[in-house]
Protein backbone atom coordinates (compact mmCIF):
# COMPACT_ATOMS: atom_id res chain seq x y z
CA MET A 1 -15.72 23.68 -4.04
CA ARG A 2 -13.42 21.37 -2.11
CA ALA A 3 -12.29 22.00 1.46
CA VAL A 4 -9.29 20.18 2.96
CA VAL A 5 -8.28 19.91 6.62
CA ILE A 6 -4.64 18.89 7.14
CA THR A 7 -2.78 18.38 10.41
CA GLY A 8 0.98 18.82 10.85
CA VAL A 9 1.86 20.96 7.82
CA SER A 10 5.11 22.64 8.91
CA ARG A 11 7.48 20.10 7.34
CA GLY A 12 7.84 16.79 5.55
CA LEU A 13 4.78 15.08 4.15
CA GLY A 14 2.38 17.55 5.75
CA ALA A 15 4.06 20.52 4.05
CA ALA A 16 4.01 18.63 0.75
CA LEU A 17 0.31 17.77 1.12
CA PHE A 18 -0.37 21.45 1.83
CA ASP A 19 1.48 22.44 -1.34
CA VAL A 20 -0.29 19.87 -3.52
CA CYS A 21 -3.73 20.88 -2.26
CA SER A 22 -3.06 24.61 -2.50
CA ALA A 23 -1.82 24.17 -6.08
CA ARG A 24 -5.14 22.47 -6.88
CA GLY A 25 -6.98 25.52 -5.59
CA ASP A 26 -8.50 23.74 -2.59
CA ARG A 27 -9.63 25.70 0.44
CA ILE A 28 -7.33 24.64 3.28
CA LEU A 29 -7.61 24.57 7.05
CA ALA A 30 -4.07 23.77 8.24
CA VAL A 31 -3.82 22.63 11.86
CA GLY A 32 -0.62 22.64 13.90
CA ARG A 33 1.84 24.48 16.10
CA HIS A 34 4.05 25.90 13.35
CA PHE A 35 3.67 27.14 9.79
CA THR A 36 6.26 27.96 7.17
CA PRO A 37 6.81 31.52 5.94
CA GLU A 38 5.46 30.39 2.55
CA GLN A 39 2.26 29.11 4.15
CA GLN A 40 1.82 32.35 6.06
CA GLN A 41 2.33 34.32 2.87
CA LEU A 42 -0.25 32.20 1.05
CA ARG A 43 -2.73 32.81 3.86
CA ASP A 44 -2.22 36.56 3.43
CA GLU A 45 -2.65 36.26 -0.33
CA ARG A 46 -5.69 33.98 -0.12
CA PRO A 47 -7.33 34.92 3.20
CA GLY A 48 -10.65 33.34 2.30
CA ASP A 49 -9.11 30.12 1.07
CA VAL A 50 -6.21 29.38 3.44
CA THR A 51 -6.67 29.29 7.20
CA LEU A 52 -3.82 28.50 9.60
CA PHE A 53 -5.25 27.13 12.84
CA SER A 54 -2.50 27.43 15.44
CA THR A 55 -2.73 24.81 18.17
CA ASP A 56 -0.94 21.89 19.78
CA VAL A 57 -2.70 18.80 18.44
CA ALA A 58 -1.62 16.97 21.59
CA ASP A 59 -4.31 18.93 23.46
CA ALA A 60 -7.63 17.60 22.19
CA HIS A 61 -9.52 20.45 23.84
CA TRP A 62 -7.89 22.93 21.45
CA LEU A 63 -8.44 21.10 18.18
CA PRO A 64 -10.89 22.65 15.69
CA ASP A 65 -14.31 21.94 17.16
CA HIS A 66 -17.68 21.28 15.56
CA ASP A 67 -18.54 24.95 15.12
CA THR A 68 -15.16 25.84 13.61
CA LEU A 69 -15.33 22.96 11.16
CA ARG A 70 -18.97 23.59 10.28
CA ALA A 71 -18.15 27.19 9.36
CA PHE A 72 -15.15 26.11 7.30
CA LEU A 73 -16.98 23.31 5.47
CA ARG A 74 -20.30 25.12 5.09
CA GLU A 75 -20.23 25.80 1.30
CA SER A 76 -18.21 22.75 0.26
CA ASP A 77 -19.47 20.00 -1.99
CA GLU A 78 -16.41 17.90 -1.10
CA ALA A 79 -14.45 17.78 2.15
CA VAL A 80 -11.20 15.97 2.90
CA LEU A 81 -9.66 15.32 6.32
CA LEU A 82 -5.95 14.42 6.20
CA HIS A 83 -4.54 13.13 9.48
CA ASN A 84 -0.80 13.66 8.99
CA ALA A 85 0.55 14.92 12.34
CA ALA A 86 2.48 12.23 14.20
CA VAL A 87 5.51 11.65 16.40
CA VAL A 88 7.80 8.62 16.42
CA GLU A 89 9.11 9.42 19.88
CA PRO A 90 9.62 8.05 22.45
CA ILE A 91 12.14 5.57 21.07
CA GLY A 92 13.56 3.30 23.74
CA ALA A 93 12.88 0.41 26.05
CA VAL A 94 9.57 0.14 27.89
CA GLY A 95 10.42 0.62 31.54
CA LYS A 96 12.65 3.58 30.75
CA LEU A 97 10.16 5.86 28.99
CA SER A 98 8.82 8.99 30.64
CA THR A 99 5.12 9.28 31.38
CA GLU A 100 5.07 12.62 29.56
CA ALA A 101 6.52 11.12 26.37
CA ILE A 102 4.06 8.22 26.48
CA THR A 103 0.99 10.37 26.92
CA HIS A 104 2.18 12.86 24.29
CA ALA A 105 2.61 10.12 21.68
CA ILE A 106 -0.86 8.74 22.35
CA ALA A 107 -2.39 12.22 22.24
CA VAL A 108 -0.81 13.19 18.91
CA ASN A 109 -0.96 9.86 17.08
CA LEU A 110 -4.30 8.53 18.29
CA THR A 111 -6.44 10.85 20.39
CA ALA A 112 -6.22 13.80 17.99
CA PRO A 113 -7.28 11.81 14.90
CA VAL A 114 -10.19 10.24 16.80
CA VAL A 115 -11.46 13.54 18.20
CA LEU A 116 -10.99 15.47 14.97
CA THR A 117 -12.72 12.79 12.89
CA ASN A 118 -15.70 12.84 15.24
CA SER A 119 -15.99 16.63 14.93
CA PHE A 120 -15.44 16.53 11.15
CA LEU A 121 -18.21 13.99 10.52
CA ARG A 122 -20.60 15.94 12.72
CA ALA A 123 -19.82 19.23 11.00
CA ALA A 124 -19.74 18.20 7.35
CA PRO A 125 -22.64 19.25 5.10
CA ASP A 126 -25.15 16.46 4.50
CA SER A 127 -24.74 16.68 0.74
CA ALA A 128 -20.93 16.81 0.62
CA ARG A 129 -18.67 13.99 -0.48
CA LEU A 130 -16.33 13.17 2.42
CA ARG A 131 -12.87 11.61 2.49
CA VAL A 132 -11.10 10.77 5.75
CA LEU A 133 -7.47 9.76 5.29
CA PHE A 134 -5.17 8.55 8.07
CA ILE A 135 -1.44 8.60 7.34
CA SER A 136 -0.33 5.38 8.97
CA SER A 137 2.89 3.38 8.75
CA GLY A 138 4.22 -0.09 8.13
CA ALA A 139 4.95 -0.01 11.86
CA ALA A 140 1.23 -0.60 12.41
CA HIS A 141 1.72 -4.15 11.13
CA ARG A 142 5.13 -5.17 12.41
CA ILE A 143 6.95 -4.68 15.67
CA ILE A 144 10.00 -2.42 15.52
CA ASP A 145 11.95 -2.86 18.72
CA GLY A 146 12.21 0.44 20.55
CA TRP A 147 9.14 1.90 18.83
CA SER A 148 6.50 0.53 21.19
CA LEU A 149 4.37 3.68 21.25
CA TYR A 150 4.56 4.40 17.52
CA CYS A 151 3.67 0.82 16.56
CA THR A 152 0.85 0.75 19.08
CA THR A 153 -0.73 4.08 18.20
CA LYS A 154 -0.55 3.51 14.44
CA ALA A 155 -2.10 0.05 14.81
CA ALA A 156 -4.81 1.46 17.07
CA GLY A 157 -5.43 4.30 14.61
CA GLU A 158 -5.93 1.85 11.76
CA THR A 159 -8.37 -0.14 13.90
CA PHE A 160 -10.36 3.01 14.66
CA PHE A 161 -10.57 3.97 10.98
CA GLU A 162 -11.57 0.42 10.05
CA ALA A 163 -14.45 0.83 12.51
CA VAL A 164 -15.40 4.18 10.96
CA ALA A 165 -15.22 2.67 7.47
CA SER A 166 -17.54 -0.14 8.57
CA GLN A 167 -19.96 2.37 10.07
CA VAL A 168 -20.24 4.32 6.79
CA ALA A 169 -19.98 1.33 4.43
CA ASP A 170 -23.49 1.93 3.07
CA ASP A 171 -22.95 5.67 2.56
CA GLU A 172 -21.52 6.25 -0.92
CA ARG A 173 -20.62 9.83 0.02
CA VAL A 174 -17.96 8.80 2.54
CA THR A 175 -14.55 7.23 1.96
CA VAL A 176 -12.22 6.25 4.82
CA ALA A 177 -8.69 4.94 4.30
CA SER A 178 -5.43 4.32 6.16
CA ILE A 179 -2.36 4.97 4.03
CA ASP A 180 1.21 3.71 4.45
CA PRO A 181 3.38 6.35 2.79
CA GLY A 182 6.60 4.35 3.12
CA GLN A 183 9.97 5.73 4.22
CA MET A 184 10.47 9.39 3.32
CA ASP A 185 13.22 11.95 3.73
CA THR A 186 11.53 13.94 6.50
CA GLY A 187 12.18 15.44 9.90
CA MET A 188 10.85 12.25 11.46
CA GLN A 189 13.69 10.34 9.82
CA ASP A 190 16.12 12.89 11.30
CA ASN A 191 14.68 12.13 14.74
CA ILE A 192 15.06 8.40 14.14
CA ARG A 193 18.73 8.78 13.21
CA ARG A 194 19.36 10.96 16.26
CA ALA A 195 17.83 8.28 18.46
CA ALA A 196 20.04 5.68 16.75
CA ALA A 197 23.12 7.74 17.60
CA SER A 198 22.07 8.35 21.20
CA GLY A 199 22.63 4.84 22.51
CA THR A 200 18.98 4.30 23.42
CA TYR A 201 17.32 0.90 22.98
CA PHE A 202 16.84 0.58 19.21
CA PRO A 203 18.14 -2.80 17.94
CA GLY A 204 17.25 -2.30 14.26
CA GLN A 205 18.80 1.12 13.98
CA GLN A 206 21.26 0.28 11.18
CA ARG A 207 18.44 -0.26 8.71
CA TRP A 208 17.31 3.33 9.14
CA ILE A 209 20.82 4.75 8.98
CA ASP A 210 21.52 2.79 5.79
CA ALA A 211 18.28 3.88 4.12
CA HIS A 212 19.37 7.51 4.38
CA ALA A 213 22.99 6.88 3.47
CA GLU A 214 22.01 4.87 0.39
CA GLY A 215 19.43 7.40 -0.82
CA ARG A 216 16.47 5.07 -0.37
CA LEU A 217 14.18 7.63 1.30
CA ALA A 218 11.38 8.90 -0.92
CA ASP A 219 10.81 12.59 -1.64
CA PRO A 220 7.79 13.82 0.38
CA MET A 221 6.39 15.79 -2.57
CA THR A 222 6.33 12.68 -4.75
CA VAL A 223 4.53 10.77 -1.98
CA ALA A 224 2.05 13.61 -1.40
CA GLU A 225 1.20 13.79 -5.10
CA ARG A 226 0.59 10.03 -5.16
CA ILE A 227 -1.62 10.15 -2.07
CA ILE A 228 -3.81 12.90 -3.48
CA LYS A 229 -3.99 11.25 -6.90
CA GLU A 230 -4.96 7.87 -5.48
CA HIS A 231 -7.15 8.84 -2.53
CA ALA A 232 -8.43 12.37 -3.09
CA PRO A 233 -8.29 13.16 -6.83
């Protein structure tokens, strides 16, 4: 039996990953602040297989802890951790960002994946095959002016998961990967376009506006299916 932990499932890629995994018959622990009516209905229909863990991932103290994860993973022969939750905000010039926005971005994009991975590896059954997948971004490898926090946290996240991968390199049971899903038609893209229209510091904004206008944003379901096929078949 396979158990999957997914963060940020209420929309976009996270919702698509939830749908792909539920269609496979995986047991799911979905972590986030909000859940769709369809996800809530599925929980009611499959109470032993679908758990909706309501929390703000920005608060590391309220993420699923070792005991919660151990109980969820207890009977699994395979366990997957999908770090999907992320925020692109704040977009703007350093020197004009609020402290709250800075700390929130770091908490969601970096602290939560680090803390949850630590708890997951502690809690997983010794005999289970483990996959830890971090949804990263091309922004981890190139500077996008105005995206200082997003670039920084995604780059730092990839560094952390490279360290974890090195740690478990001799353990054939464990796979760790950072994945660039590319540009998708998601709520995050909506936020990017709103920032572009707001007059904030965002020099490369036209590229993102054009990508949407020209239909170059990928469908999240197509991306989710590819991720599962390639990294967690």
